[in-house]
């Protein structure tokens, strides 16, 4: 059994360490809400952190709903677009 005071087996984490050539994707699913607002993003984003589908119009979050609830209705996204953009189905 190792001595509990012996921390030599732990590697210290450097929070400001360089990440070499790693670059985060510019895709909306990886952007923060502030970035989407700044970009004036319009579209649908699947927020995997909150498990919600978000509907954005010109950088404003207009509607969000849980993925579980949205998956119960196969027409949910089309119906939401119809509602948000006042579109008529013919």
C-alpha atoms as a PDB file:
ATOM      1  CA  UNK A   1       0.000   0.000   0.000  1.00  0.00           C
ATOM      2  CA  UNK A   2       1.415   3.346  -1.026  1.00  0.00           C
ATOM      3  CA  UNK A   3       1.878   6.164   1.387  1.00  0.00           C
ATOM      4  CA  UNK A   4      -1.137   8.487   1.071  1.00  0.00           C
ATOM      5  CA  UNK A   5       1.183  11.495   1.276  1.00  0.00           C
ATOM      6  CA  UNK A   6       3.213  10.273  -1.701  1.00  0.00           C
ATOM      7  CA  UNK A   7       1.928  12.189  -4.715  1.00  0.00           C
ATOM      8  CA  UNK A   8       4.831  11.321  -6.991  1.00  0.00           C
ATOM      9  CA  UNK A   9       2.617   9.108  -9.166  1.00  0.00           C
ATOM     10  CA  UNK A  10       0.375  12.032 -10.104  1.00  0.00           C
ATOM     11  CA  UNK A  11       1.138  14.189 -13.106  1.00  0.00           C
ATOM     12  CA  UNK A  12       0.408  17.849 -12.438  1.00  0.00           C
ATOM     13  CA  UNK A  13      -2.127  19.404 -14.812  1.00  0.00           C
ATOM     14  CA  UNK A  14      -1.098  22.579 -16.571  1.00  0.00           C
ATOM     15  CA  UNK A  15      -4.347  24.372 -17.335  1.00  0.00           C
ATOM     16  CA  UNK A  16      -2.645  26.853 -19.679  1.00  0.00           C
ATOM     17  CA  UNK A  17      -0.649  24.229 -21.579  1.00  0.00           C
ATOM     18  CA  UNK A  18      -0.370  24.618 -25.341  1.00  0.00           C
ATOM     19  CA  UNK A  19      -2.585  22.270 -27.327  1.00  0.00           C
ATOM     20  CA  UNK A  20      -0.226  21.969 -30.271  1.00  0.00           C
ATOM     21  CA  UNK A  21      -2.240  22.075 -33.484  1.00  0.00           C
ATOM     22  CA  UNK A  22      -5.677  21.273 -32.015  1.00  0.00           C
ATOM     23  CA  UNK A  23      -8.389  23.620 -33.234  1.00  0.00           C
ATOM     24  CA  UNK A  24     -12.001  23.465 -32.161  1.00  0.00           C
ATOM     25  CA  UNK A  25     -14.460  22.986 -35.012  1.00  0.00           C
ATOM     26  CA  UNK A  26     -16.262  26.106 -36.240  1.00  0.00           C
ATOM     27  CA  UNK A  27     -19.498  24.089 -36.478  1.00  0.00           C
ATOM     28  CA  UNK A  28     -22.410  25.546 -34.496  1.00  0.00           C
ATOM     29  CA  UNK A  29     -22.684  22.431 -32.322  1.00  0.00           C
ATOM     30  CA  UNK A  30     -19.259  23.270 -30.834  1.00  0.00           C
ATOM     31  CA  UNK A  31     -19.808  27.024 -30.390  1.00  0.00           C
ATOM     32  CA  UNK A  32     -20.775  28.745 -27.175  1.00  0.00           C
ATOM     33  CA  UNK A  33     -24.035  30.653 -26.962  1.00  0.00           C
ATOM     34  CA  UNK A  34     -22.060  33.908 -26.927  1.00  0.00           C
ATOM     35  CA  UNK A  35     -20.279  32.898 -30.147  1.00  0.00           C
ATOM     36  CA  UNK A  36     -23.572  32.047 -31.831  1.00  0.00           C
ATOM     37  CA  UNK A  37     -25.000  35.394 -30.775  1.00  0.00           C
ATOM     38  CA  UNK A  38     -21.937  37.218 -32.100  1.00  0.00           C
ATOM     39  CA  UNK A  39     -22.105  35.325 -35.428  1.00  0.00           C
ATOM     40  CA  UNK A  40     -25.836  36.076 -35.676  1.00  0.00           C
ATOM     41  CA  UNK A  41     -26.354  32.360 -36.220  1.00  0.00           C
ATOM     42  CA  UNK A  42     -29.615  31.206 -37.765  1.00  0.00           C
ATOM     43  CA  UNK A  43     -30.351  27.497 -37.663  1.00  0.00           C
ATOM     44  CA  UNK A  44     -30.813  24.454 -35.491  1.00  0.00           C
ATOM     45  CA  UNK A  45     -28.213  23.291 -33.004  1.00  0.00           C
ATOM     46  CA  UNK A  46     -28.071  20.050 -31.041  1.00  0.00           C
ATOM     47  CA  UNK A  47     -26.680  21.046 -27.648  1.00  0.00           C
ATOM     48  CA  UNK A  48     -25.217  17.780 -26.368  1.00  0.00           C
ATOM     49  CA  UNK A  49     -24.339  19.327 -23.000  1.00  0.00           C
ATOM     50  CA  UNK A  50     -27.969  20.147 -22.142  1.00  0.00           C
ATOM     51  CA  UNK A  51     -29.436  17.440 -24.412  1.00  0.00           C
ATOM     52  CA  UNK A  52     -31.636  20.021 -26.106  1.00  0.00           C
ATOM     53  CA  UNK A  53     -32.388  21.072 -29.652  1.00  0.00           C
ATOM     54  CA  UNK A  54     -32.024  24.839 -30.010  1.00  0.00           C
ATOM     55  CA  UNK A  55     -33.566  27.053 -32.679  1.00  0.00           C
ATOM     56  CA  UNK A  56     -31.624  30.246 -33.370  1.00  0.00           C
ATOM     57  CA  UNK A  57     -32.634  33.242 -35.494  1.00  0.00           C
ATOM     58  CA  UNK A  58     -30.072  35.995 -36.150  1.00  0.00           C
ATOM     59  CA  UNK A  59     -28.159  35.228 -32.967  1.00  0.00           C
ATOM     60  CA  UNK A  60     -31.191  34.931 -30.714  1.00  0.00           C
ATOM     61  CA  UNK A  61     -32.183  31.654 -29.101  1.00  0.00           C
ATOM     62  CA  UNK A  62     -35.878  31.499 -30.004  1.00  0.00           C
ATOM     63  CA  UNK A  63     -36.790  28.035 -28.756  1.00  0.00           C
ATOM     64  CA  UNK A  64     -35.232  25.018 -27.103  1.00  0.00           C
ATOM     65  CA  UNK A  65     -36.679  21.625 -26.346  1.00  0.00           C
ATOM     66  CA  UNK A  66     -35.321  18.349 -25.014  1.00  0.00           C
ATOM     67  CA  UNK A  67     -34.125  15.822 -27.569  1.00  0.00           C
ATOM     68  CA  UNK A  68     -36.376  13.228 -25.929  1.00  0.00           C
ATOM     69  CA  UNK A  69     -39.485  15.342 -26.406  1.00  0.00           C
ATOM     70  CA  UNK A  70     -38.553  16.258 -29.978  1.00  0.00           C
ATOM     71  CA  UNK A  71     -37.951  12.606 -30.890  1.00  0.00           C
ATOM     72  CA  UNK A  72     -41.549  11.671 -30.018  1.00  0.00           C
ATOM     73  CA  UNK A  73     -42.795  13.659 -33.026  1.00  0.00           C
ATOM     74  CA  UNK A  74     -41.061  13.026 -36.377  1.00  0.00           C
ATOM     75  CA  UNK A  75     -42.453  16.342 -37.718  1.00  0.00           C
ATOM     76  CA  UNK A  76     -41.279  18.409 -34.754  1.00  0.00           C
ATOM     77  CA  UNK A  77     -38.528  20.367 -36.528  1.00  0.00           C
ATOM     78  CA  UNK A  78     -40.738  21.194 -39.533  1.00  0.00           C
ATOM     79  CA  UNK A  79     -43.590  22.258 -37.239  1.00  0.00           C
ATOM     80  CA  UNK A  80     -41.225  24.446 -35.219  1.00  0.00           C
ATOM     81  CA  UNK A  81     -39.919  26.128 -38.395  1.00  0.00           C
ATOM     82  CA  UNK A  82     -43.523  26.711 -39.453  1.00  0.00           C
ATOM     83  CA  UNK A  83     -44.237  28.334 -36.106  1.00  0.00           C
ATOM     84  CA  UNK A  84     -41.043  30.421 -35.857  1.00  0.00           C
ATOM     85  CA  UNK A  85     -40.999  31.659 -39.448  1.00  0.00           C
ATOM     86  CA  UNK A  86     -44.795  31.872 -39.895  1.00  0.00           C
ATOM     87  CA  UNK A  87     -44.509  29.479 -42.849  1.00  0.00           C
ATOM     88  CA  UNK A  88     -47.590  27.888 -44.362  1.00  0.00           C
ATOM     89  CA  UNK A  89     -47.731  24.316 -45.551  1.00  0.00           C
ATOM     90  CA  UNK A  90     -49.464  23.739 -48.834  1.00  0.00           C
END
